[in-house]
C-alpha atoms as a PDB file:
ATOM      1  CA  MET A   1     -84.764  95.217  -7.017  1.00  0.00           C
ATOM      2  CA  GLN A   2     -86.566  91.901  -7.384  1.00  0.00           C
ATOM      3  CA  THR A   3     -84.663  88.876  -6.169  1.00  0.00           C
ATOM      4  CA  ILE A   4     -85.085  85.186  -6.925  1.00  0.00           C
ATOM      5  CA  ASP A   5     -85.283  83.308  -3.645  1.00  0.00           C
ATOM      6  CA  ARG A   6     -84.826  79.667  -4.594  1.00  0.00           C
ATOM      7  CA  PRO A   7     -85.143  77.023  -1.827  1.00  0.00           C
ATOM      8  CA  SER A   8     -81.475  76.012  -2.141  1.00  0.00           C
ATOM      9  CA  ARG A   9     -80.478  79.633  -1.744  1.00  0.00           C
ATOM     10  CA  ARG A  10     -82.613  80.031   1.374  1.00  0.00           C
ATOM     11  CA  ARG A  11     -80.975  76.987   2.931  1.00  0.00           C
ATOM     12  CA  PHE A  12     -77.500  78.298   2.084  1.00  0.00           C
ATOM     13  CA  ILE A  13     -78.124  81.720   3.630  1.00  0.00           C
ATOM     14  CA  ALA A  14     -79.649  80.129   6.711  1.00  0.00           C
ATOM     15  CA  ARG A  15     -76.599  77.931   7.139  1.00  0.00           C
ATOM     16  CA  ALA A  16     -74.261  80.894   6.710  1.00  0.00           C
ATOM     17  CA  GLY A  17     -76.180  82.934   9.253  1.00  0.00           C
ATOM     18  CA  SER A  18     -76.180  80.131  11.808  1.00  0.00           C
ATOM     19  CA  GLY A  19     -72.428  79.644  11.593  1.00  0.00           C
ATOM     20  CA  VAL A  20     -72.473  76.194  10.010  1.00  0.00           C
ATOM     21  CA  LEU A  21     -69.911  77.317   7.448  1.00  0.00           C
ATOM     22  CA  ALA A  22     -67.507  78.262  10.203  1.00  0.00           C
ATOM     23  CA  LEU A  23     -68.032  74.921  11.928  1.00  0.00           C
ATOM     24  CA  SER A  24     -67.063  73.123   8.725  1.00  0.00           C
ATOM     25  CA  LEU A  25     -63.561  74.607   8.796  1.00  0.00           C
ATOM     26  CA  PRO A  26     -60.628  72.356   9.762  1.00  0.00           C
ATOM     27  CA  GLY A  27     -60.108  72.090  13.509  1.00  0.00           C
ATOM     28  CA  PRO A  28     -56.736  73.909  13.746  1.00  0.00           C
ATOM     29  CA  LEU A  29     -58.008  76.814  11.659  1.00  0.00           C
ATOM     30  CA  ARG A  30     -61.215  77.033  13.696  1.00  0.00           C
ATOM     31  CA  HIS A  31     -59.227  77.194  16.932  1.00  0.00           C
ATOM     32  CA  ALA A  32     -56.893  79.840  15.485  1.00  0.00           C
ATOM     33  CA  LEU A  33     -59.854  82.007  14.522  1.00  0.00           C
ATOM     34  CA  ALA A  34     -61.270  81.687  18.005  1.00  0.00           C
ATOM     35  CA  ASP A  35     -58.020  83.108  19.401  1.00  0.00           C
ATOM     36  CA  SER A  36     -57.822  86.111  17.056  1.00  0.00           C
ATOM     37  CA  ALA A  37     -60.506  88.044  15.230  1.00  0.00           C
ATOM     38  CA  PRO A  38     -60.273  87.983  11.415  1.00  0.00           C
ATOM     39  CA  GLN A  39     -59.011  91.118   9.679  1.00  0.00           C
ATOM     40  CA  ASN A  40     -62.486  92.111   8.495  1.00  0.00           C
ATOM     41  CA  ALA A  41     -63.927  92.219  12.029  1.00  0.00           C
ATOM     42  CA  ILE A  42     -63.737  96.017  11.800  1.00  0.00           C
ATOM     43  CA  THR A  43     -66.167  98.891  11.346  1.00  0.00           C
ATOM     44  CA  PRO A  44     -67.205 100.113   7.885  1.00  0.00           C
ATOM     45  CA  GLN A  45     -65.382 103.378   8.567  1.00  0.00           C
ATOM     46  CA  ALA A  46     -62.167 101.556   9.496  1.00  0.00           C
ATOM     47  CA  ALA A  47     -62.373  99.589   6.239  1.00  0.00           C
ATOM     48  CA  LEU A  48     -62.939 102.770   4.242  1.00  0.00           C
ATOM     49  CA  ASP A  49     -60.039 104.515   5.982  1.00  0.00           C
ATOM     50  CA  ARG A  50     -57.773 101.597   5.114  1.00  0.00           C
ATOM     51  CA  LEU A  51     -58.747 101.761   1.439  1.00  0.00           C
ATOM     52  CA  MET A  52     -58.250 105.505   1.184  1.00  0.00           C
ATOM     53  CA  ALA A  53     -54.886 105.344   2.949  1.00  0.00           C
ATOM     54  CA  GLY A  54     -53.837 102.644   0.501  1.00  0.00           C
ATOM     55  CA  ASN A  55     -54.895 104.778  -2.452  1.00  0.00           C
ATOM     56  CA  ALA A  56     -52.900 107.713  -1.111  1.00  0.00           C
ATOM     57  CA  ARG A  57     -49.800 105.502  -1.050  1.00  0.00           C
ATOM     58  CA  TYR A  58     -50.499 104.199  -4.559  1.00  0.00           C
ATOM     59  CA  ALA A  59     -51.039 107.669  -6.040  1.00  0.00           C
ATOM     60  CA  ALA A  60     -47.841 108.896  -4.385  1.00  0.00           C
ATOM     61  CA  GLY A  61     -45.857 105.986  -5.808  1.00  0.00           C
ATOM     62  CA  ARG A  62     -45.133 104.584  -2.349  1.00  0.00           C
ATOM     63  CA  PRO A  63     -47.064 101.301  -2.086  1.00  0.00           C
ATOM     64  CA  LEU A  64     -46.192  98.937   0.722  1.00  0.00           C
ATOM     65  CA  ARG A  65     -43.695  96.211  -0.086  1.00  0.00           C
ATOM     66  CA  LYS A  66     -45.500  92.890  -0.062  1.00  0.00           C
ATOM     67  CA  ASP A  67     -44.342  89.321   0.314  1.00  0.00           C
ATOM     68  CA  PHE A  68     -47.136  87.404  -1.394  1.00  0.00           C
ATOM     69  CA  THR A  69     -45.947  84.131   0.096  1.00  0.00           C
ATOM     70  CA  THR A  70     -46.866  85.400   3.567  1.00  0.00           C
ATOM     71  CA  GLY A  71     -50.243  84.056   4.598  1.00  0.00           C
ATOM     72  CA  ARG A  72     -50.491  81.737   1.608  1.00  0.00           C
ATOM     73  CA  ALA A  73     -51.442  78.700   3.719  1.00  0.00           C
ATOM     74  CA  ALA A  74     -54.092  80.657   5.616  1.00  0.00           C
ATOM     75  CA  ARG A  75     -55.563  82.075   2.391  1.00  0.00           C
ATOM     76  CA  ALA A  76     -55.904  78.561   1.046  1.00  0.00           C
ATOM     77  CA  GLN A  77     -58.236  77.768   3.944  1.00  0.00           C
ATOM     78  CA  ALA A  78     -60.397  80.908   4.214  1.00  0.00           C
ATOM     79  CA  GLN A  79     -60.817  84.518   3.136  1.00  0.00           C
ATOM     80  CA  TYR A  80     -61.674  87.608   5.174  1.00  0.00           C
ATOM     81  CA  PRO A  81     -61.810  90.586   2.782  1.00  0.00           C
ATOM     82  CA  ILE A  82     -62.332  94.013   4.312  1.00  0.00           C
ATOM     83  CA  ALA A  83     -64.472  95.327   1.453  1.00  0.00           C
ATOM     84  CA  SER A  84     -66.643  94.216  -1.443  1.00  0.00           C
ATOM     85  CA  ILE A  85     -66.069  96.374  -4.510  1.00  0.00           C
ATOM     86  CA  LEU A  86     -68.282  96.708  -7.573  1.00  0.00           C
ATOM     87  CA  SER A  87     -65.797  97.994 -10.146  1.00  0.00           C
ATOM     88  CA  CYS A  88     -65.729  98.627 -13.864  1.00  0.00           C
ATOM     89  CA  ALA A  89     -64.042  95.946 -15.969  1.00  0.00           C
ATOM     90  CA  ASP A  90     -61.729  98.571 -17.512  1.00  0.00           C
ATOM     91  CA  SER A  91     -58.199  97.138 -17.684  1.00  0.00           C
ATOM     92  CA  ARG A  92     -56.773 100.332 -16.189  1.00  0.00           C
ATOM     93  CA  VAL A  93     -58.821  99.993 -13.006  1.00  0.00           C
ATOM     94  CA  ALA A  94     -57.387  97.309 -10.704  1.00  0.00           C
ATOM     95  CA  PRO A  95     -58.822  97.728  -7.175  1.00  0.00           C
ATOM     96  CA  GLU A  96     -56.209  95.582  -5.421  1.00  0.00           C
ATOM     97  CA  LEU A  97     -53.467  97.778  -6.894  1.00  0.00           C
ATOM     98  CA  LEU A  98     -55.035 101.221  -6.629  1.00  0.00           C
ATOM     99  CA  PHE A  99     -55.982 100.606  -2.983  1.00  0.00           C
ATOM    100  CA  ASP A 100     -52.579  99.013  -2.270  1.00  0.00           C
ATOM    101  CA  GLN A 101     -54.092  95.823  -0.886  1.00  0.00           C
ATOM    102  CA  GLY A 102     -52.918  92.239  -1.055  1.00  0.00           C
ATOM    103  CA  PRO A 103     -54.463  88.865  -1.910  1.00  0.00           C
ATOM    104  CA  GLY A 104     -57.517  88.149   0.197  1.00  0.00           C
ATOM    105  CA  ASP A 105     -58.087  91.781   1.179  1.00  0.00           C
ATOM    106  CA  LEU A 106     -60.765  92.707  -1.370  1.00  0.00           C
ATOM    107  CA  PHE A 107     -63.784  90.867  -2.779  1.00  0.00           C
ATOM    108  CA  VAL A 108     -64.051  92.403  -6.244  1.00  0.00           C
ATOM    109  CA  VAL A 109     -66.895  92.112  -8.746  1.00  0.00           C
ATOM    110  CA  ARG A 110     -66.150  93.693 -12.128  1.00  0.00           C
ATOM    111  CA  VAL A 111     -68.507  94.530 -14.985  1.00  0.00           C
ATOM    112  CA  ALA A 112     -68.234  97.210 -17.663  1.00  0.00           C
ATOM    113  CA  GLY A 113     -70.060 100.264 -16.321  1.00  0.00           C
ATOM    114  CA  ASN A 114     -69.991  99.102 -12.669  1.00  0.00           C
ATOM    115  CA  TYR A 115     -73.751  98.544 -12.519  1.00  0.00           C
ATOM    116  CA  LEU A 116     -75.890  96.229 -10.426  1.00  0.00           C
ATOM    117  CA  ASN A 117     -77.610  93.250 -11.996  1.00  0.00           C
ATOM    118  CA  GLN A 118     -78.831  89.965 -10.548  1.00  0.00           C
ATOM    119  CA  ASP A 119     -75.500  88.153 -10.823  1.00  0.00           C
ATOM    120  CA  VAL A 120     -73.570  91.056  -9.331  1.00  0.00           C
ATOM    121  CA  LEU A 121     -76.119  91.285  -6.519  1.00  0.00           C
ATOM    122  CA  ALA A 122     -75.638  87.619  -5.671  1.00  0.00           C
ATOM    123  CA  SER A 123     -71.877  88.118  -5.450  1.00  0.00           C
ATOM    124  CA  LEU A 124     -72.190  91.211  -3.263  1.00  0.00           C
ATOM    125  CA  GLU A 125     -74.616  89.362  -1.008  1.00  0.00           C
ATOM    126  CA  TYR A 126     -72.069  86.587  -0.632  1.00  0.00           C
ATOM    127  CA  GLY A 127     -69.385  89.119   0.244  1.00  0.00           C
ATOM    128  CA  VAL A 128     -71.447  90.784   2.956  1.00  0.00           C
ATOM    129  CA  ALA A 129     -73.578  87.947   4.358  1.00  0.00           C
ATOM    130  CA  VAL A 130     -71.099  85.078   4.162  1.00  0.00           C
ATOM    131  CA  LEU A 131     -67.621  86.600   4.075  1.00  0.00           C
ATOM    132  CA  GLY A 132     -68.543  89.454   6.412  1.00  0.00           C
ATOM    133  CA  THR A 133     -67.252  92.464   4.479  1.00  0.00           C
ATOM    134  CA  PRO A 134     -68.250  95.590   6.417  1.00  0.00           C
ATOM    135  CA  LEU A 135     -67.950  97.882   3.388  1.00  0.00           C
ATOM    136  CA  VAL A 136     -69.361  97.836  -0.146  1.00  0.00           C
ATOM    137  CA  MET A 137     -67.962 100.326  -2.647  1.00  0.00           C
ATOM    138  CA  VAL A 138     -69.305 101.120  -6.114  1.00  0.00           C
ATOM    139  CA  LEU A 139     -66.227 102.320  -7.987  1.00  0.00           C
ATOM    140  CA  GLY A 140     -66.532 104.282 -11.226  1.00  0.00           C
ATOM    141  CA  HIS A 141     -63.692 105.938 -13.096  1.00  0.00           C
ATOM    142  CA  SER A 142     -62.890 108.829 -15.395  1.00  0.00           C
ATOM    143  CA  GLY A 143     -63.180 108.294 -19.133  1.00  0.00           C
ATOM    144  CA  CYS A 144     -65.445 105.255 -18.753  1.00  0.00           C
ATOM    145  CA  GLY A 145     -66.167 103.738 -22.182  1.00  0.00           C
ATOM    146  CA  ALA A 146     -69.445 102.187 -21.026  1.00  0.00           C
ATOM    147  CA  VAL A 147     -70.717 105.562 -19.858  1.00  0.00           C
ATOM    148  CA  LYS A 148     -69.576 107.190 -23.120  1.00  0.00           C
ATOM    149  CA  ALA A 149     -71.421 104.547 -25.145  1.00  0.00           C
ATOM    150  CA  THR A 150     -74.569 105.080 -23.094  1.00  0.00           C
ATOM    151  CA  ILE A 151     -74.441 108.841 -23.582  1.00  0.00           C
ATOM    152  CA  GLN A 152     -74.077 108.349 -27.336  1.00  0.00           C
ATOM    153  CA  GLU A 153     -76.927 105.840 -27.358  1.00  0.00           C
ATOM    154  CA  ILE A 154     -79.209 108.298 -25.556  1.00  0.00           C
ATOM    155  CA  GLN A 155     -78.268 111.187 -27.843  1.00  0.00           C
ATOM    156  CA  THR A 156     -78.209 109.235 -31.111  1.00  0.00           C
ATOM    157  CA  PRO A 157     -79.808 105.777 -30.876  1.00  0.00           C
ATOM    158  CA  ARG A 158     -78.139 103.193 -33.086  1.00  0.00           C
ATOM    159  CA  ASP A 159     -77.614  99.465 -33.341  1.00  0.00           C
ATOM    160  CA  LEU A 160     -74.762  98.156 -31.206  1.00  0.00           C
ATOM    161  CA  PRO A 161     -72.903  94.906 -31.967  1.00  0.00           C
ATOM    162  CA  GLY A 162     -73.559  91.722 -30.038  1.00  0.00           C
ATOM    163  CA  HIS A 163     -74.791  92.182 -26.479  1.00  0.00           C
ATOM    164  CA  ILE A 164     -73.158  95.550 -25.823  1.00  0.00           C
ATOM    165  CA  TRP A 165     -76.619  97.092 -25.797  1.00  0.00           C
ATOM    166  CA  ASP A 166     -77.253  95.173 -22.558  1.00  0.00           C
ATOM    167  CA  ILE A 167     -74.713  97.458 -20.884  1.00  0.00           C
ATOM    168  CA  THR A 168     -76.122 100.707 -22.256  1.00  0.00           C
ATOM    169  CA  ASP A 169     -79.665  99.664 -21.361  1.00  0.00           C
ATOM    170  CA  ALA A 170     -78.548  98.945 -17.794  1.00  0.00           C
ATOM    171  CA  LEU A 171     -76.784 102.313 -17.463  1.00  0.00           C
ATOM    172  CA  LYS A 172     -79.502 104.473 -18.995  1.00  0.00           C
ATOM    173  CA  PRO A 173     -81.686 104.919 -15.864  1.00  0.00           C
ATOM    174  CA  GLY A 174     -78.879 106.552 -13.901  1.00  0.00           C
ATOM    175  CA  ILE A 175     -77.391 108.534 -16.768  1.00  0.00           C
ATOM    176  CA  ALA A 176     -80.374 109.711 -18.828  1.00  0.00           C
ATOM    177  CA  PRO A 177     -81.363 112.633 -16.541  1.00  0.00           C
ATOM    178  CA  VAL A 178     -77.840 114.077 -16.771  1.00  0.00           C
ATOM    179  CA  VAL A 179     -77.698 113.728 -20.550  1.00  0.00           C
ATOM    180  CA  LYS A 180     -81.129 115.297 -21.012  1.00  0.00           C
ATOM    181  CA  ALA A 181     -80.126 118.219 -18.782  1.00  0.00           C
ATOM    182  CA  GLY A 182     -77.213 118.954 -21.133  1.00  0.00           C
ATOM    183  CA  GLY A 183     -74.526 121.477 -20.284  1.00  0.00           C
ATOM    184  CA  GLU A 184     -70.770 121.044 -20.021  1.00  0.00           C
ATOM    185  CA  HIS A 185     -68.789 118.062 -18.749  1.00  0.00           C
ATOM    186  CA  VAL A 186     -71.609 115.609 -19.453  1.00  0.00           C
ATOM    187  CA  LEU A 187     -69.318 112.580 -19.269  1.00  0.00           C
ATOM    188  CA  GLU A 188     -67.989 113.534 -15.841  1.00  0.00           C
ATOM    189  CA  HIS A 189     -71.471 114.221 -14.456  1.00  0.00           C
ATOM    190  CA  ALA A 190     -72.902 111.071 -16.021  1.00  0.00           C
ATOM    191  CA  THR A 191     -70.108 108.934 -14.535  1.00  0.00           C
ATOM    192  CA  ARG A 192     -70.862 110.211 -11.055  1.00  0.00           C
ATOM    193  CA  ALA A 193     -74.611 109.898 -11.544  1.00  0.00           C
ATOM    194  CA  ASN A 194     -74.166 106.267 -12.581  1.00  0.00           C
ATOM    195  CA  VAL A 195     -72.159 105.531  -9.445  1.00  0.00           C
ATOM    196  CA  GLU A 196     -74.655 107.243  -7.157  1.00  0.00           C
ATOM    197  CA  HIS A 197     -77.580 105.511  -8.861  1.00  0.00           C
ATOM    198  CA  ASN A 198     -76.027 102.113  -8.257  1.00  0.00           C
ATOM    199  CA  VAL A 199     -75.008 102.953  -4.689  1.00  0.00           C
ATOM    200  CA  ALA A 200     -78.686 103.578  -3.951  1.00  0.00           C
ATOM    201  CA  ARG A 201     -79.688 100.317  -5.623  1.00  0.00           C
ATOM    202  CA  VAL A 202     -77.073  98.284  -3.748  1.00  0.00           C
ATOM    203  CA  ALA A 203     -78.014  99.792  -0.384  1.00  0.00           C
ATOM    204  CA  ALA A 204     -81.702  99.064  -0.989  1.00  0.00           C
ATOM    205  CA  ALA A 205     -81.260  95.560  -2.436  1.00  0.00           C
ATOM    206  CA  GLN A 206     -83.342  92.982  -0.584  1.00  0.00           C
ATOM    207  CA  PRO A 207     -83.156  90.865   1.393  1.00  0.00           C
ATOM    208  CA  LEU A 208     -79.553  90.754   2.569  1.00  0.00           C
ATOM    209  CA  LEU A 209     -77.812  94.013   1.720  1.00  0.00           C
ATOM    210  CA  SER A 210     -80.546  96.378   2.855  1.00  0.00           C
ATOM    211  CA  ARG A 211     -80.785  94.472   6.145  1.00  0.00           C
ATOM    212  CA  ALA A 212     -77.031  94.640   6.702  1.00  0.00           C
ATOM    213  CA  VAL A 213     -77.082  98.398   6.039  1.00  0.00           C
ATOM    214  CA  GLN A 214     -80.030  98.948   8.351  1.00  0.00           C
ATOM    215  CA  ASP A 215     -78.362  96.929  11.098  1.00  0.00           C
ATOM    216  CA  GLY A 216     -75.127  98.873  10.744  1.00  0.00           C
ATOM    217  CA  ARG A 217     -73.144  95.758   9.799  1.00  0.00           C
ATOM    218  CA  ALA A 218     -72.315  97.174   6.383  1.00  0.00           C
ATOM    219  CA  ARG A 219     -72.060 100.503   4.618  1.00  0.00           C
ATOM    220  CA  VAL A 220     -72.359 101.284   0.912  1.00  0.00           C
ATOM    221  CA  VAL A 221     -70.310 104.103  -0.579  1.00  0.00           C
ATOM    222  CA  GLY A 222     -69.587 105.468  -4.037  1.00  0.00           C
ATOM    223  CA  ALA A 223     -66.226 106.552  -5.399  1.00  0.00           C
ATOM    224  CA  GLU A 224     -64.532 107.576  -8.633  1.00  0.00           C
ATOM    225  CA  PHE A 225     -61.004 106.680  -9.730  1.00  0.00           C
ATOM    226  CA  ASP A 226     -59.226 109.366 -11.745  1.00  0.00           C
ATOM    227  CA  LEU A 227     -57.000 107.746 -14.356  1.00  0.00           C
ATOM    228  CA  ALA A 228     -54.779 110.804 -14.732  1.00  0.00           C
ATOM    229  CA  SER A 229     -53.886 111.199 -11.055  1.00  0.00           C
ATOM    230  CA  ASP A 230     -54.449 107.630  -9.774  1.00  0.00           C
ATOM    231  CA  ARG A 231     -56.537 109.105  -6.952  1.00  0.00           C
ATOM    232  CA  VAL A 232     -59.883 107.880  -5.684  1.00  0.00           C
ATOM    233  CA  ARG A 233     -62.492 110.450  -4.686  1.00  0.00           C
ATOM    234  CA  LEU A 234     -65.490 109.599  -2.537  1.00  0.00           C
ATOM    235  CA  LEU A 235     -68.866 110.653  -3.923  1.00  0.00           C
ATOM    236  CA  GLY A 236     -72.140 111.663  -2.345  1.00  0.00           C
ATOM    237  CA  ASN A 237     -73.092 111.129   1.287  1.00  0.00           C
ATOM    238  CA  THR A 238     -70.541 108.583   2.466  1.00  0.00           C
END
């Protein structure tokens, strides 16, 4: 995926990599961080295990009780999310809830159809390169309206209102092979194909994400949230 490497962006990434952002933190907070590692100083697998354990609690109706006032002062100063999540904008899919996480735990980017574009890429790069998230998850879901619209557009092309066609055009590359193959359960297969297509694009995105994956600092996985059961299922080779 082509990236736009503006001079100001290069300077920002260089500063982040050299630790200048950390040095700009208030003295007391900087000293506190030196004494204890932030919560996202964990392996990608540990982050994934935490998300899946949280989803198991959520699906079972046993989420952890949370006092949202706890850590409020610290959150006002800095954030250390354990995962960056590219999620659909569907109102029924709320990553913080379905993974039973609290404020500051997840860095979520939402767009209908959970696909990668330039703006989403910039946000995911920020999550991994600056905030230090060890895990990136592309999260699709059952009954996705964006995927349905794309299937219909491939099968019977028609004019779509406003800019909705931008979404279907973006989803077509990952979905078209499934639709053309036909068969049963096209929506389910297309939803998974869209996730896996975007997982591959995120993992290969240059310059920051692909480097983090190659270095083992980050991992990219795909998953699907089932609206009927509230359970998340991992997809592909995770």
